[in-house]
Amino acid sequence: MHASPLVTSEWLQTHLQDPDLVVIEASIGKVIGKEPIEYDSPVCIPNAIKLDIETDLSDLTSSSVHAFPTLEQMRSLLKRVGINQRHTLVIYDNQGIYAAPRVWWIFKTFGFDKVYILDGGLPHWLQEGRAVASVYTTSTGCLVDDALQLHSANLKSSAEILSNIESSSFKVVDARSEDRFMGRVSEPRPGVRSGHIPQSLNLPFLKVLDGHLYKSPQDLDQIFAALALEPSRPIAFSCGSGITACILLVAAIVSGREQVSLYDGSWAEWGAGEGFPVEGEA
């Protein structure tokens, strides 16, 4: 396999029958920031299992929106669906590129090396006329590797974001729309202020996509370079609740930037926290 986090539909078609391959549809109920794609009838890639960010892959005991799953929760989920670190995982999205990068980062943060995103997701797969199924695969489960652990360096806390405003040890990049970033419009979640984290940069997530696909590594490199985000600069990504930030995080990796992390609480936490400074507030 290659170093890129992405695989093409051609690659997946060729490897669909590999015994160690697990295809995962990453789904989320509410799509913000782009027009949702709706399906008239159930359709999925053959042999895919379905995982839901809002239930399977969120810590429901946390007060944060879409909080990262706990280690015990992840162990329980992997045992239930029959996945371990020996598998090769390909994650796809029924919206093109939307929730899959978040699920990819979750698996990477829990130590999975052989995990990839299907570039273009289900919409691109359908456009190419490839085989589909109408039901998801279910698993009988399996034992989970005891070595499973959470690599906390992949995540940033609000305390780290706050102290970074003074230290500037990394750059924060926000994936929300320019209107939300600048505080021109109200936030979709009640009780959350408008604006952005001081000294953060804005890169709306749609700018790194070309339709359902990621832009080329060369184009992505130019986008990040235009924001003075050189490959040596550590970057923490933020958004509304930690979902679309991962679209940018993956784009950064594709562009050759490896020092990346996710502010998991994102604006849902920062904008609701009275002690956190805000710029651009309407």
Protein backbone atom coordinates (compact mmCIF):
# COMPACT_ATOMS: atom_id res chain seq x y z
CA MET A 1 0.00 0.00 0.00
CA HIS A 2 1.02 3.62 -0.48
CA ALA A 3 1.56 6.33 2.09
CA SER A 4 -1.40 8.48 1.01
CA PRO A 5 -4.51 8.35 3.20
CA LEU A 6 -6.59 8.04 0.00
CA VAL A 7 -7.37 5.11 -2.28
CA THR A 8 -9.12 5.32 -5.64
CA SER A 9 -12.32 3.53 -6.61
CA GLU A 10 -10.24 1.50 -9.08
CA TRP A 11 -8.02 0.29 -6.24
CA LEU A 12 -10.99 -0.65 -4.07
CA GLN A 13 -12.75 -2.45 -6.93
CA THR A 14 -9.61 -4.54 -7.46
CA HIS A 15 -9.24 -5.42 -3.77
CA LEU A 16 -12.88 -5.83 -2.69
CA GLN A 17 -12.48 -9.59 -2.24
CA ASP A 18 -9.22 -9.43 -0.25
CA PRO A 19 -9.73 -11.50 2.92
CA ASP A 20 -8.24 -8.88 5.24
CA LEU A 21 -10.12 -5.90 3.75
CA VAL A 22 -12.94 -4.25 5.71
CA VAL A 23 -15.06 -1.60 3.97
CA ILE A 24 -16.75 0.88 6.31
CA GLU A 25 -19.45 3.40 5.44
CA ALA A 26 -19.07 6.44 7.68
CA SER A 27 -22.41 8.09 8.15
CA ILE A 28 -23.72 11.14 9.97
CA GLY A 29 -27.30 12.34 10.15
CA LYS A 30 -26.83 16.08 9.82
CA VAL A 31 -24.74 17.65 7.06
CA ILE A 32 -23.68 21.29 7.59
CA GLY A 33 -21.83 23.47 5.11
CA LYS A 34 -22.85 21.70 1.91
CA GLU A 35 -25.99 20.43 0.23
CA PRO A 36 -26.81 16.94 1.63
CA ILE A 37 -27.06 14.04 -0.82
CA GLU A 38 -30.18 11.97 -0.20
CA TYR A 39 -30.86 8.48 -1.54
CA ASP A 40 -34.26 7.17 -2.62
CA SER A 41 -33.42 3.61 -1.61
CA PRO A 42 -30.70 1.84 0.40
CA VAL A 43 -27.42 1.58 -1.51
CA CYS A 44 -23.91 0.75 -0.36
CA ILE A 45 -20.62 -0.67 -1.59
CA PRO A 46 -20.67 -4.50 -1.51
CA ASN A 47 -19.56 -6.07 1.81
CA ALA A 48 -19.59 -2.71 3.62
CA ILE A 49 -20.38 -2.36 7.30
CA LYS A 50 -21.98 0.84 8.57
CA LEU A 51 -20.70 2.92 11.48
CA ASP A 52 -22.48 6.02 12.74
CA ILE A 53 -20.37 8.90 14.04
CA GLU A 54 -23.11 10.14 16.36
CA THR A 55 -23.63 6.82 18.14
CA ASP A 56 -20.91 4.23 17.42
CA LEU A 57 -18.02 6.69 17.32
CA SER A 58 -18.91 9.45 19.79
CA ASP A 59 -18.47 9.44 23.54
CA LEU A 60 -22.10 9.83 24.58
CA THR A 61 -21.09 10.37 28.22
CA SER A 62 -19.32 13.62 27.26
CA SER A 63 -21.02 17.01 27.25
CA SER A 64 -19.13 17.87 24.05
CA VAL A 65 -20.76 17.45 20.64
CA HIS A 66 -19.35 14.45 18.70
CA ALA A 67 -16.68 13.87 21.37
CA PHE A 68 -13.92 11.41 20.48
CA PRO A 69 -14.78 7.84 21.56
CA THR A 70 -13.09 6.47 24.67
CA LEU A 71 -10.63 3.59 24.61
CA GLU A 72 -13.14 1.22 26.22
CA GLN A 73 -15.87 2.30 23.82
CA MET A 74 -13.55 1.68 20.86
CA ARG A 75 -12.57 -1.76 22.17
CA SER A 76 -16.23 -2.69 22.57
CA LEU A 77 -17.13 -1.44 19.09
CA LEU A 78 -14.25 -3.24 17.38
CA LYS A 79 -15.13 -6.48 19.16
CA ARG A 80 -18.76 -6.15 18.08
CA VAL A 81 -18.03 -5.45 14.41
CA GLY A 82 -15.10 -7.83 14.09
CA ILE A 83 -12.24 -5.44 13.30
CA ASN A 84 -8.67 -5.58 14.54
CA GLN A 85 -5.41 -3.89 13.60
CA ARG A 86 -4.41 -6.66 11.19
CA HIS A 87 -7.23 -5.64 8.87
CA THR A 88 -6.92 -3.13 6.05
CA LEU A 89 -9.75 -0.62 6.43
CA VAL A 90 -11.23 1.49 3.63
CA ILE A 91 -13.68 4.11 4.84
CA TYR A 92 -16.13 5.74 2.48
CA ASP A 93 -18.78 8.42 2.74
CA ASN A 94 -22.28 8.56 1.25
CA GLN A 95 -21.81 12.35 0.88
CA GLY A 96 -18.60 12.14 -1.16
CA ILE A 97 -16.03 13.51 1.29
CA TYR A 98 -17.65 14.57 4.54
CA ALA A 99 -17.66 12.22 7.56
CA ALA A 100 -15.11 9.65 6.35
CA PRO A 101 -12.01 11.75 7.22
CA ARG A 102 -13.23 12.03 10.82
CA VAL A 103 -13.63 8.25 11.08
CA TRP A 104 -10.21 7.78 9.43
CA TRP A 105 -8.61 10.05 12.07
CA ILE A 106 -10.35 8.13 14.86
CA PHE A 107 -8.86 4.85 13.64
CA LYS A 108 -5.43 6.44 13.12
CA THR A 109 -5.56 7.90 16.63
CA PHE A 110 -6.26 4.43 18.02
CA GLY A 111 -3.17 3.05 16.29
CA PHE A 112 -4.49 1.61 13.03
CA ASP A 113 -1.85 1.88 10.29
CA LYS A 114 -3.66 0.25 7.37
CA VAL A 115 -6.65 2.57 7.14
CA TYR A 116 -7.64 4.60 4.08
CA ILE A 117 -10.38 6.86 2.71
CA LEU A 118 -12.12 6.14 -0.59
CA ASP A 119 -11.60 9.32 -2.58
CA GLY A 120 -14.95 10.50 -3.91
CA GLY A 121 -16.92 8.14 -1.68
CA LEU A 122 -20.19 6.54 -2.72
CA PRO A 123 -21.30 9.34 -5.12
CA HIS A 124 -18.14 8.92 -7.23
CA TRP A 125 -18.45 5.11 -7.04
CA LEU A 126 -22.02 5.38 -8.37
CA GLN A 127 -21.02 7.84 -11.09
CA GLU A 128 -18.58 5.27 -12.38
CA GLY A 129 -21.28 2.61 -12.51
CA ARG A 130 -19.60 0.21 -10.10
CA ALA A 131 -21.35 -2.65 -8.33
CA VAL A 132 -23.52 -1.84 -5.32
CA ALA A 133 -25.55 -3.66 -2.68
CA SER A 134 -28.76 -2.77 -0.85
CA VAL A 135 -27.87 -4.21 2.56
CA TYR A 136 -24.85 -3.78 4.81
CA THR A 137 -22.71 -6.66 6.02
CA THR A 138 -22.94 -7.72 9.66
CA SER A 139 -20.16 -9.38 11.60
CA THR A 140 -20.04 -12.14 14.19
CA GLY A 141 -17.35 -10.21 16.05
CA CYS A 142 -13.81 -11.10 17.08
CA LEU A 143 -11.20 -10.53 19.75
CA VAL A 144 -9.62 -7.08 19.78
CA ASP A 145 -5.88 -6.52 20.04
CA ASP A 146 -4.88 -5.74 23.62
CA ALA A 147 -2.35 -3.24 22.23
CA LEU A 148 -5.11 -0.83 21.23
CA GLN A 149 -4.35 2.61 22.68
CA LEU A 150 -5.24 6.22 22.08
CA HIS A 151 -2.44 8.44 20.74
CA SER A 152 -3.32 11.68 22.50
CA ALA A 153 -0.86 13.79 20.47
CA ASN A 154 -3.38 13.58 17.60
CA LEU A 155 -5.84 15.68 19.63
CA LYS A 156 -5.75 19.17 21.09
CA SER A 157 -7.71 20.28 24.17
CA SER A 158 -9.24 23.70 24.74
CA ALA A 159 -6.47 24.38 27.29
CA GLU A 160 -3.81 23.73 24.66
CA ILE A 161 -5.62 25.97 22.15
CA LEU A 162 -5.89 28.70 24.78
CA SER A 163 -2.22 28.64 25.75
CA ASN A 164 -1.24 28.56 22.07
CA ILE A 165 -2.78 32.01 21.53
CA GLU A 166 0.24 33.33 23.46
CA SER A 167 2.89 30.76 22.50
CA SER A 168 1.99 30.31 18.79
CA SER A 169 3.63 26.88 18.81
CA PHE A 170 1.15 25.69 16.16
CA LYS A 171 -1.34 27.33 13.81
CA VAL A 172 -5.10 26.81 14.17
CA VAL A 173 -7.05 26.44 10.91
CA ASP A 174 -10.86 26.60 10.95
CA ALA A 175 -12.87 24.67 8.33
CA ARG A 176 -16.15 26.58 8.76
CA SER A 177 -17.54 28.98 6.14
CA GLU A 178 -16.11 32.49 5.96
CA ASP A 179 -19.42 33.97 7.17
CA ARG A 180 -19.37 31.80 10.31
CA PHE A 181 -15.67 32.41 10.88
CA MET A 182 -16.09 36.18 10.63
CA GLY A 183 -19.17 36.14 12.86
CA ARG A 184 -21.48 37.50 10.16
CA VAL A 185 -24.09 34.80 10.77
CA SER A 186 -25.45 33.02 13.83
CA GLU A 187 -24.08 29.62 14.72
CA PRO A 188 -26.35 26.61 14.01
CA ARG A 189 -26.09 25.45 17.63
CA PRO A 190 -27.96 27.39 20.35
CA GLY A 191 -25.88 29.11 23.01
CA VAL A 192 -22.76 29.27 20.84
CA ARG A 193 -21.23 32.67 20.10
CA SER A 194 -20.27 33.82 16.61
CA GLY A 195 -16.68 34.44 15.53
CA HIS A 196 -13.41 32.54 15.70
CA ILE A 197 -10.42 31.61 17.88
CA PRO A 198 -7.95 34.55 18.01
CA GLN A 199 -5.11 34.25 15.46
CA SER A 200 -6.73 31.30 13.72
CA LEU A 201 -6.94 31.07 9.94
CA ASN A 202 -9.99 30.26 7.85
CA LEU A 203 -10.01 27.61 5.14
CA PRO A 204 -13.59 26.52 4.31
CA PHE A 205 -13.49 22.77 3.75
CA LEU A 206 -15.10 22.93 0.30
CA LYS A 207 -11.98 24.74 -0.97
CA VAL A 208 -9.89 21.55 -0.76
CA LEU A 209 -12.42 19.49 -2.73
CA ASP A 210 -13.03 19.18 -6.45
CA GLY A 211 -16.63 17.96 -6.57
CA HIS A 212 -16.68 14.70 -4.61
CA LEU A 213 -12.90 14.24 -4.81
CA TYR A 214 -9.94 15.81 -3.08
CA LYS A 215 -7.94 18.25 -5.17
CA SER A 216 -4.50 17.09 -6.34
CA PRO A 217 -1.54 17.07 -3.92
CA GLN A 218 0.00 19.92 -5.93
CA ASP A 219 -3.16 22.07 -5.72
CA LEU A 220 -3.51 21.34 -2.00
CA ASP A 221 0.11 22.27 -1.40
CA GLN A 222 -0.52 25.63 -3.07
CA ILE A 223 -3.64 26.23 -0.95
CA PHE A 224 -1.76 25.64 2.31
CA ALA A 225 1.33 27.52 1.13
CA ALA A 226 -0.86 30.55 0.31
CA LEU A 227 -1.79 30.64 4.02
CA ALA A 228 1.92 30.49 4.95
CA LEU A 229 1.42 26.96 6.25
CA GLU A 230 4.71 25.35 5.26
CA PRO A 231 5.25 21.58 5.70
CA SER A 232 7.35 22.19 8.83
CA ARG A 233 4.57 24.16 10.58
CA PRO A 234 2.42 22.21 13.06
CA ILE A 235 -1.30 22.73 12.38
CA ALA A 236 -4.35 22.07 14.56
CA PHE A 237 -7.66 21.88 12.73
CA SER A 238 -11.01 23.08 14.05
CA CYS A 239 -14.57 23.45 12.71
CA GLY A 240 -18.06 23.38 14.21
CA SER A 241 -17.87 20.06 16.09
CA GLY A 242 -14.74 18.27 14.87
CA ILE A 243 -16.13 16.65 11.71
CA THR A 244 -15.22 18.85 8.72
CA ALA A 245 -11.93 19.85 10.40
CA CYS A 246 -10.77 16.34 9.52
CA ILE A 247 -11.43 17.04 5.81
CA LEU A 248 -8.75 19.73 6.02
CA LEU A 249 -6.51 17.55 8.18
CA VAL A 250 -6.47 14.84 5.51
CA ALA A 251 -5.94 17.45 2.78
CA ALA A 252 -2.92 18.72 4.72
CA ILE A 253 -1.46 15.20 4.89
CA VAL A 254 -2.07 14.67 1.16
CA SER A 255 -0.22 17.96 0.55
CA GLY A 256 2.82 16.71 2.47
CA ARG A 257 2.13 18.25 5.88
CA GLU A 258 2.50 15.61 8.58
CA GLN A 259 2.43 17.66 11.82
CA VAL A 260 -1.34 17.76 12.16
CA SER A 261 -3.80 17.46 15.03
CA LEU A 262 -7.50 17.97 15.70
CA TYR A 263 -9.11 20.35 18.18
CA ASP A 264 -11.85 17.89 18.99
CA GLY A 265 -14.07 20.30 20.93
CA SER A 266 -13.92 22.79 18.04
CA TRP A 267 -16.25 25.78 17.91
CA ALA A 268 -19.12 23.98 19.68
CA GLU A 269 -16.91 23.97 22.79
CA TRP A 270 -14.98 27.22 22.27
CA GLY A 271 -17.97 29.34 21.27
CA ALA A 272 -20.00 28.09 24.25
CA GLY A 273 -17.21 28.63 26.79
CA GLU A 274 -17.45 32.07 28.37
CA GLY A 275 -13.81 32.06 29.39
CA PHE A 276 -12.52 31.63 25.84
CA PRO A 277 -11.62 34.78 23.85
CA VAL A 278 -13.36 35.32 20.51
CA GLU A 279 -12.52 37.46 17.50
CA GLY A 280 -14.94 38.61 14.80
CA GLU A 281 -17.98 38.32 17.05
CA ALA A 282 -21.06 39.94 15.55
